[in-house]
Amino acid sequence: MNRYFAQADIDNAMYTLYRYKYENDLIYEEEWNPNTSSWEMTSNLTRLFVGGDCTLMEIQEETAIKAFPVAFAA
């Protein structure tokens, strides 16, 4: 099961979507890129965790689908 994270502004409007994608005993760290309509490998999520970024929150898959429906359309 994948884990989803989002960055949100002060009003909880989500503006960036990340996921840990579990596949073949590996964990891929990906960021949704709305400009290319694709999931792209990144290290930004780890950087945000390590830096203690206050805009980052873990969200349920259902919440991610509602906030970023295009990321789940394919």
C-alpha atoms as a PDB file:
ATOM      1  CA  MET A   1       0.000   0.000   0.000  1.00  0.00           C
ATOM      2  CA  ASN A   2       1.363   3.398  -0.990  1.00  0.00           C
ATOM      3  CA  ARG A   3       1.664   6.275   1.480  1.00  0.00           C
ATOM      4  CA  TYR A   4       0.722   9.798   0.433  1.00  0.00           C
ATOM      5  CA  PHE A   5       1.908  13.174   1.671  1.00  0.00           C
ATOM      6  CA  ALA A   6       0.973  16.709   0.739  1.00  0.00           C
ATOM      7  CA  GLN A   7       2.259  20.169   1.340  1.00  0.00           C
ATOM      8  CA  ALA A   8      -0.463  22.595   2.366  1.00  0.00           C
ATOM      9  CA  ASP A   9      -0.718  26.305   2.970  1.00  0.00           C
ATOM     10  CA  ILE A  10      -1.995  27.939   6.141  1.00  0.00           C
ATOM     11  CA  ASP A  11      -5.618  27.302   5.050  1.00  0.00           C
ATOM     12  CA  ASN A  12      -4.861  23.581   4.447  1.00  0.00           C
ATOM     13  CA  ALA A  13      -5.106  23.993   0.665  1.00  0.00           C
ATOM     14  CA  MET A  14      -2.861  21.245  -0.703  1.00  0.00           C
ATOM     15  CA  TYR A  15      -0.436  22.310  -3.413  1.00  0.00           C
ATOM     16  CA  THR A  16       2.098  19.467  -3.777  1.00  0.00           C
ATOM     17  CA  LEU A  17       1.540  15.699  -3.696  1.00  0.00           C
ATOM     18  CA  TYR A  18       4.171  13.079  -2.846  1.00  0.00           C
ATOM     19  CA  ARG A  19       4.030   9.338  -2.375  1.00  0.00           C
ATOM     20  CA  TYR A  20       6.060   6.420  -1.195  1.00  0.00           C
ATOM     21  CA  LYS A  21       5.350   3.752  -3.794  1.00  0.00           C
ATOM     22  CA  TYR A  22       6.028   0.201  -2.644  1.00  0.00           C
ATOM     23  CA  GLU A  23       6.984  -2.140  -5.479  1.00  0.00           C
ATOM     24  CA  ASN A  24       9.049  -5.346  -5.628  1.00  0.00           C
ATOM     25  CA  ASP A  25      10.463  -4.895  -2.105  1.00  0.00           C
ATOM     26  CA  LEU A  26      11.605  -1.357  -2.969  1.00  0.00           C
ATOM     27  CA  ILE A  27      10.277   2.024  -1.897  1.00  0.00           C
ATOM     28  CA  TYR A  28      10.142   4.738  -4.541  1.00  0.00           C
ATOM     29  CA  GLU A  29       9.825   8.364  -3.536  1.00  0.00           C
ATOM     30  CA  GLU A  30       7.766  10.262  -6.114  1.00  0.00           C
ATOM     31  CA  GLU A  31       6.287  13.711  -6.626  1.00  0.00           C
ATOM     32  CA  TRP A  32       3.282  14.465  -8.815  1.00  0.00           C
ATOM     33  CA  ASN A  33       4.245  16.923 -11.557  1.00  0.00           C
ATOM     34  CA  PRO A  34       1.099  18.624 -12.907  1.00  0.00           C
ATOM     35  CA  ASN A  35       3.064  20.183 -15.788  1.00  0.00           C
ATOM     36  CA  THR A  36       3.940  16.784 -17.265  1.00  0.00           C
ATOM     37  CA  SER A  37       0.975  14.897 -15.732  1.00  0.00           C
ATOM     38  CA  SER A  38       3.297  12.244 -14.351  1.00  0.00           C
ATOM     39  CA  TRP A  39       4.840  10.880 -11.174  1.00  0.00           C
ATOM     40  CA  GLU A  40       8.549  11.719 -11.040  1.00  0.00           C
ATOM     41  CA  MET A  41      11.321  10.386  -8.838  1.00  0.00           C
ATOM     42  CA  THR A  42      12.397  12.883  -6.193  1.00  0.00           C
ATOM     43  CA  SER A  43      14.245  13.261  -2.928  1.00  0.00           C
ATOM     44  CA  ASN A  44      12.174  16.294  -1.900  1.00  0.00           C
ATOM     45  CA  LEU A  45       9.984  14.289   0.485  1.00  0.00           C
ATOM     46  CA  THR A  46      12.964  13.052   2.486  1.00  0.00           C
ATOM     47  CA  ARG A  47      14.408  16.580   2.498  1.00  0.00           C
ATOM     48  CA  LEU A  48      11.128  17.924   3.902  1.00  0.00           C
ATOM     49  CA  PHE A  49      11.057  15.240   6.624  1.00  0.00           C
ATOM     50  CA  VAL A  50      14.663  15.808   7.628  1.00  0.00           C
ATOM     51  CA  GLY A  51      14.216  19.571   7.631  1.00  0.00           C
ATOM     52  CA  GLY A  52      11.070  19.378   9.757  1.00  0.00           C
ATOM     53  CA  ASP A  53       8.963  21.259   7.222  1.00  0.00           C
ATOM     54  CA  CYS A  54       5.715  22.409   8.843  1.00  0.00           C
ATOM     55  CA  THR A  55       3.755  22.394   5.560  1.00  0.00           C
ATOM     56  CA  LEU A  56       4.031  18.608   5.143  1.00  0.00           C
ATOM     57  CA  MET A  57       1.303  16.207   6.249  1.00  0.00           C
ATOM     58  CA  GLU A  58       0.496  12.565   5.628  1.00  0.00           C
ATOM     59  CA  ILE A  59      -2.880  12.077   3.965  1.00  0.00           C
ATOM     60  CA  GLN A  60      -5.111   9.128   3.161  1.00  0.00           C
ATOM     61  CA  GLU A  61      -5.274   7.856  -0.413  1.00  0.00           C
ATOM     62  CA  GLU A  62      -8.908   8.974  -0.642  1.00  0.00           C
ATOM     63  CA  THR A  63      -7.898  12.520   0.307  1.00  0.00           C
ATOM     64  CA  ALA A  64      -5.118  12.482  -2.286  1.00  0.00           C
ATOM     65  CA  ILE A  65      -7.565  11.338  -4.966  1.00  0.00           C
ATOM     66  CA  LYS A  66     -10.015  14.129  -4.109  1.00  0.00           C
ATOM     67  CA  ALA A  67      -7.335  16.820  -4.025  1.00  0.00           C
ATOM     68  CA  PHE A  68      -5.358  15.635  -7.086  1.00  0.00           C
ATOM     69  CA  PRO A  69      -7.750  13.557  -9.236  1.00  0.00           C
ATOM     70  CA  VAL A  70      -5.586  13.837 -12.375  1.00  0.00           C
ATOM     71  CA  ALA A  71      -2.746  12.021 -10.583  1.00  0.00           C
ATOM     72  CA  PHE A  72      -4.956   8.927 -10.330  1.00  0.00           C
ATOM     73  CA  ALA A  73      -6.773   9.144 -13.684  1.00  0.00           C
ATOM     74  CA  ALA A  74      -4.497   6.796 -15.635  1.00  0.00           C
END
